[in-house]
Amino acid sequence: MTAPAPATCIDLTEREKTVLRLVANGHPNKAIGVRLGLSEHTIKHHITHILASLQARDRAHAVARGFAVGIVTAADIEGKLIGVGR
């Protein structure tokens, strides 16, 4: 499998980048929709485009690719990792 293109070449809208960051924080589609004032169907559409753009197999792979190209950073994670805050 080939590596994704650099972040500057990946065709994600700012909204899709926001959705990816929320996915990285473990939020389900419905919660992302509520948070952004969008329907769950719209969120699913965004995630479909994110997966295609990042050449990702699933949500976890999309997050990993998002980290690899700099769309998602450690600063985007809301502190829900194991051991954080102990």
N, C-alpha and C. Protein backbone atom coordinates (compact mmCIF):
# COMPACT_ATOMS: atom_id res chain seq x y z
N MET A 1 0.84 -1.18 0.00
CA MET A 1 0.00 0.00 0.00
C MET A 1 0.89 1.25 0.00
N THR A 2 0.48 2.22 -0.73
CA THR A 2 1.28 3.44 -0.83
C THR A 2 0.93 4.40 0.31
N ALA A 3 1.85 5.25 0.63
CA ALA A 3 1.63 6.25 1.68
C ALA A 3 0.71 7.34 1.16
N PRO A 4 -0.07 7.95 2.05
CA PRO A 4 -0.93 9.04 1.61
C PRO A 4 -0.11 10.24 1.17
N ALA A 5 -0.74 11.08 0.39
CA ALA A 5 -0.08 12.30 -0.08
C ALA A 5 0.17 13.23 1.09
N PRO A 6 1.12 14.17 0.96
CA PRO A 6 1.33 15.16 2.02
C PRO A 6 0.04 15.92 2.30
N ALA A 7 -0.08 16.46 3.50
CA ALA A 7 -1.31 17.13 3.94
C ALA A 7 -1.75 18.21 2.97
N THR A 8 -0.82 18.88 2.33
CA THR A 8 -1.18 19.96 1.43
C THR A 8 -1.88 19.44 0.17
N CYS A 9 -1.71 18.15 -0.14
CA CYS A 9 -2.30 17.58 -1.35
C CYS A 9 -3.58 16.82 -1.05
N ILE A 10 -3.91 16.60 0.20
CA ILE A 10 -5.11 15.85 0.56
C ILE A 10 -6.31 16.78 0.49
N ASP A 11 -7.32 16.31 -0.21
CA ASP A 11 -8.49 17.12 -0.50
C ASP A 11 -9.55 16.97 0.58
N LEU A 12 -9.28 17.51 1.77
CA LEU A 12 -10.26 17.53 2.83
C LEU A 12 -10.66 18.97 3.11
N THR A 13 -11.96 19.18 3.28
CA THR A 13 -12.43 20.50 3.66
C THR A 13 -12.11 20.74 5.14
N GLU A 14 -12.21 21.96 5.57
CA GLU A 14 -12.00 22.27 6.99
C GLU A 14 -13.01 21.51 7.85
N ARG A 15 -14.24 21.39 7.38
CA ARG A 15 -15.27 20.64 8.11
C ARG A 15 -14.86 19.17 8.24
N GLU A 16 -14.34 18.58 7.16
CA GLU A 16 -13.92 17.18 7.20
C GLU A 16 -12.73 17.00 8.13
N LYS A 17 -11.84 17.96 8.18
CA LYS A 17 -10.72 17.90 9.12
C LYS A 17 -11.24 17.93 10.55
N THR A 18 -12.25 18.76 10.80
CA THR A 18 -12.85 18.83 12.13
C THR A 18 -13.49 17.49 12.48
N VAL A 19 -14.21 16.90 11.53
CA VAL A 19 -14.84 15.59 11.75
C VAL A 19 -13.77 14.55 12.06
N LEU A 20 -12.68 14.54 11.31
CA LEU A 20 -11.60 13.58 11.55
C LEU A 20 -11.02 13.75 12.95
N ARG A 21 -10.84 14.99 13.38
CA ARG A 21 -10.31 15.23 14.74
C ARG A 21 -11.28 14.72 15.80
N LEU A 22 -12.58 14.87 15.55
CA LEU A 22 -13.57 14.35 16.50
C LEU A 22 -13.59 12.83 16.48
N VAL A 23 -13.42 12.22 15.32
CA VAL A 23 -13.29 10.77 15.22
C VAL A 23 -12.08 10.32 16.02
N ALA A 24 -10.98 11.06 15.91
CA ALA A 24 -9.76 10.73 16.64
C ALA A 24 -9.98 10.74 18.15
N ASN A 25 -10.96 11.50 18.60
CA ASN A 25 -11.29 11.57 20.02
C ASN A 25 -12.32 10.53 20.42
N GLY A 26 -12.68 9.65 19.48
CA GLY A 26 -13.58 8.55 19.80
C GLY A 26 -15.05 8.85 19.74
N HIS A 27 -15.43 10.00 19.19
CA HIS A 27 -16.84 10.35 19.12
C HIS A 27 -17.54 9.57 18.01
N PRO A 28 -18.73 9.01 18.29
CA PRO A 28 -19.50 8.34 17.24
C PRO A 28 -20.16 9.36 16.31
N ASN A 29 -20.62 8.89 15.17
CA ASN A 29 -21.22 9.79 14.16
C ASN A 29 -22.32 10.67 14.73
N LYS A 30 -23.22 10.07 15.51
CA LYS A 30 -24.35 10.83 16.03
C LYS A 30 -23.88 11.97 16.93
N ALA A 31 -22.91 11.70 17.80
CA ALA A 31 -22.39 12.73 18.70
C ALA A 31 -21.67 13.83 17.92
N ILE A 32 -20.95 13.44 16.87
CA ILE A 32 -20.28 14.44 16.03
C ILE A 32 -21.32 15.33 15.38
N GLY A 33 -22.39 14.72 14.88
CA GLY A 33 -23.47 15.49 14.26
C GLY A 33 -24.10 16.48 15.22
N VAL A 34 -24.38 16.03 16.42
CA VAL A 34 -24.98 16.91 17.44
C VAL A 34 -24.03 18.06 17.74
N ARG A 35 -22.78 17.73 17.93
CA ARG A 35 -21.77 18.75 18.28
C ARG A 35 -21.62 19.81 17.19
N LEU A 36 -21.71 19.38 15.90
CA LEU A 36 -21.51 20.30 14.78
C LEU A 36 -22.82 20.83 14.20
N GLY A 37 -23.95 20.39 14.74
CA GLY A 37 -25.24 20.83 14.22
C GLY A 37 -25.55 20.27 12.85
N LEU A 38 -25.09 19.03 12.59
CA LEU A 38 -25.30 18.38 11.30
C LEU A 38 -26.01 17.05 11.53
N SER A 39 -26.62 16.53 10.48
CA SER A 39 -27.28 15.24 10.59
C SER A 39 -26.26 14.12 10.62
N GLU A 40 -26.65 12.99 11.17
CA GLU A 40 -25.78 11.82 11.18
C GLU A 40 -25.46 11.39 9.74
N HIS A 41 -26.43 11.53 8.85
CA HIS A 41 -26.22 11.21 7.44
C HIS A 41 -25.11 12.07 6.83
N THR A 42 -25.10 13.35 7.15
CA THR A 42 -24.05 14.25 6.65
C THR A 42 -22.69 13.85 7.19
N ILE A 43 -22.64 13.47 8.46
CA ILE A 43 -21.38 13.03 9.05
C ILE A 43 -20.89 11.77 8.35
N LYS A 44 -21.79 10.83 8.07
CA LYS A 44 -21.41 9.61 7.35
C LYS A 44 -20.84 9.96 5.97
N HIS A 45 -21.45 10.93 5.31
CA HIS A 45 -20.96 11.37 4.00
C HIS A 45 -19.54 11.95 4.13
N HIS A 46 -19.33 12.78 5.13
CA HIS A 46 -17.99 13.35 5.37
C HIS A 46 -16.97 12.24 5.62
N ILE A 47 -17.34 11.26 6.44
CA ILE A 47 -16.41 10.18 6.77
C ILE A 47 -16.09 9.33 5.53
N THR A 48 -17.08 9.10 4.68
CA THR A 48 -16.84 8.38 3.43
C THR A 48 -15.79 9.11 2.59
N HIS A 49 -15.91 10.44 2.50
CA HIS A 49 -14.95 11.23 1.73
C HIS A 49 -13.58 11.23 2.40
N ILE A 50 -13.55 11.30 3.72
CA ILE A 50 -12.29 11.26 4.47
C ILE A 50 -11.57 9.94 4.20
N LEU A 51 -12.29 8.83 4.29
CA LEU A 51 -11.69 7.52 4.05
C LEU A 51 -11.11 7.43 2.65
N ALA A 52 -11.86 7.90 1.67
CA ALA A 52 -11.38 7.85 0.28
C ALA A 52 -10.16 8.76 0.09
N SER A 53 -10.21 9.95 0.63
CA SER A 53 -9.11 10.91 0.45
C SER A 53 -7.83 10.45 1.11
N LEU A 54 -7.95 9.79 2.27
CA LEU A 54 -6.78 9.32 3.00
C LEU A 54 -6.40 7.88 2.62
N GLN A 55 -7.16 7.30 1.70
CA GLN A 55 -6.94 5.90 1.29
C GLN A 55 -6.94 5.00 2.52
N ALA A 56 -7.92 5.20 3.38
CA ALA A 56 -8.01 4.48 4.65
C ALA A 56 -9.08 3.40 4.58
N ARG A 57 -8.84 2.30 5.28
CA ARG A 57 -9.77 1.17 5.31
C ARG A 57 -10.93 1.40 6.27
N ASP A 58 -10.67 2.12 7.35
CA ASP A 58 -11.69 2.33 8.37
C ASP A 58 -11.35 3.59 9.16
N ARG A 59 -12.17 3.89 10.16
CA ARG A 59 -11.99 5.12 10.95
C ARG A 59 -10.63 5.16 11.64
N ALA A 60 -10.23 4.04 12.24
CA ALA A 60 -8.95 4.01 12.95
C ALA A 60 -7.79 4.25 11.99
N HIS A 61 -7.87 3.66 10.81
CA HIS A 61 -6.83 3.85 9.81
C HIS A 61 -6.82 5.31 9.34
N ALA A 62 -7.99 5.91 9.21
CA ALA A 62 -8.06 7.32 8.81
C ALA A 62 -7.40 8.21 9.85
N VAL A 63 -7.62 7.91 11.12
CA VAL A 63 -6.98 8.70 12.19
C VAL A 63 -5.47 8.53 12.12
N ALA A 64 -5.00 7.30 11.94
CA ALA A 64 -3.56 7.06 11.84
C ALA A 64 -2.97 7.83 10.65
N ARG A 65 -3.66 7.80 9.53
CA ARG A 65 -3.18 8.54 8.36
C ARG A 65 -3.26 10.05 8.61
N GLY A 66 -4.29 10.47 9.31
CA GLY A 66 -4.41 11.89 9.67
C GLY A 66 -3.23 12.36 10.50
N PHE A 67 -2.79 11.52 11.46
CA PHE A 67 -1.59 11.83 12.24
C PHE A 67 -0.36 11.86 11.33
N ALA A 68 -0.26 10.89 10.43
CA ALA A 68 0.92 10.77 9.56
C ALA A 68 1.12 11.99 8.67
N VAL A 69 0.01 12.60 8.24
CA VAL A 69 0.12 13.75 7.34
C VAL A 69 -0.07 15.08 8.05
N GLY A 70 -0.26 15.06 9.36
CA GLY A 70 -0.33 16.30 10.12
C GLY A 70 -1.70 16.94 10.23
N ILE A 71 -2.74 16.25 9.79
CA ILE A 71 -4.09 16.80 9.94
C ILE A 71 -4.54 16.68 11.39
N VAL A 72 -4.19 15.58 12.02
CA VAL A 72 -4.50 15.34 13.43
C VAL A 72 -3.18 15.40 14.18
N THR A 73 -3.17 16.12 15.30
CA THR A 73 -1.97 16.22 16.14
C THR A 73 -2.32 15.83 17.57
N ALA A 74 -1.31 15.63 18.38
CA ALA A 74 -1.53 15.29 19.78
C ALA A 74 -2.35 16.38 20.48
N ALA A 75 -2.20 17.61 20.06
CA ALA A 75 -2.95 18.72 20.67
C ALA A 75 -4.45 18.61 20.39
N ASP A 76 -4.83 17.84 19.36
CA ASP A 76 -6.24 17.67 19.01
C ASP A 76 -6.95 16.65 19.90
N ILE A 77 -6.19 15.85 20.63
CA ILE A 77 -6.76 14.81 21.47
C ILE A 77 -7.17 15.42 22.80
N GLU A 78 -8.36 15.07 23.25
CA GLU A 78 -8.96 15.71 24.42
C GLU A 78 -8.55 15.12 25.76
N GLY A 79 -7.40 14.44 25.82
CA GLY A 79 -6.91 13.94 27.10
C GLY A 79 -7.60 12.68 27.58
N LYS A 80 -8.14 11.88 26.67
CA LYS A 80 -8.83 10.66 27.06
C LYS A 80 -7.95 9.43 26.91
N LEU A 81 -6.67 9.62 26.73
CA LEU A 81 -5.77 8.50 26.56
C LEU A 81 -5.48 7.85 27.91
N ILE A 82 -5.21 6.57 27.90
CA ILE A 82 -4.89 5.85 29.12
C ILE A 82 -3.66 6.48 29.78
N GLY A 83 -3.77 6.73 31.07
CA GLY A 83 -2.64 7.27 31.81
C GLY A 83 -2.58 8.79 31.83
N VAL A 84 -3.39 9.45 31.04
CA VAL A 84 -3.37 10.92 31.02
C VAL A 84 -4.14 11.42 32.22
N GLY A 85 -3.53 12.33 32.96
CA GLY A 85 -4.20 12.94 34.09
C GLY A 85 -4.13 12.14 35.37
N ARG A 86 -3.33 11.10 35.39
CA ARG A 86 -3.20 10.30 36.62
C ARG A 86 -2.17 10.87 37.53
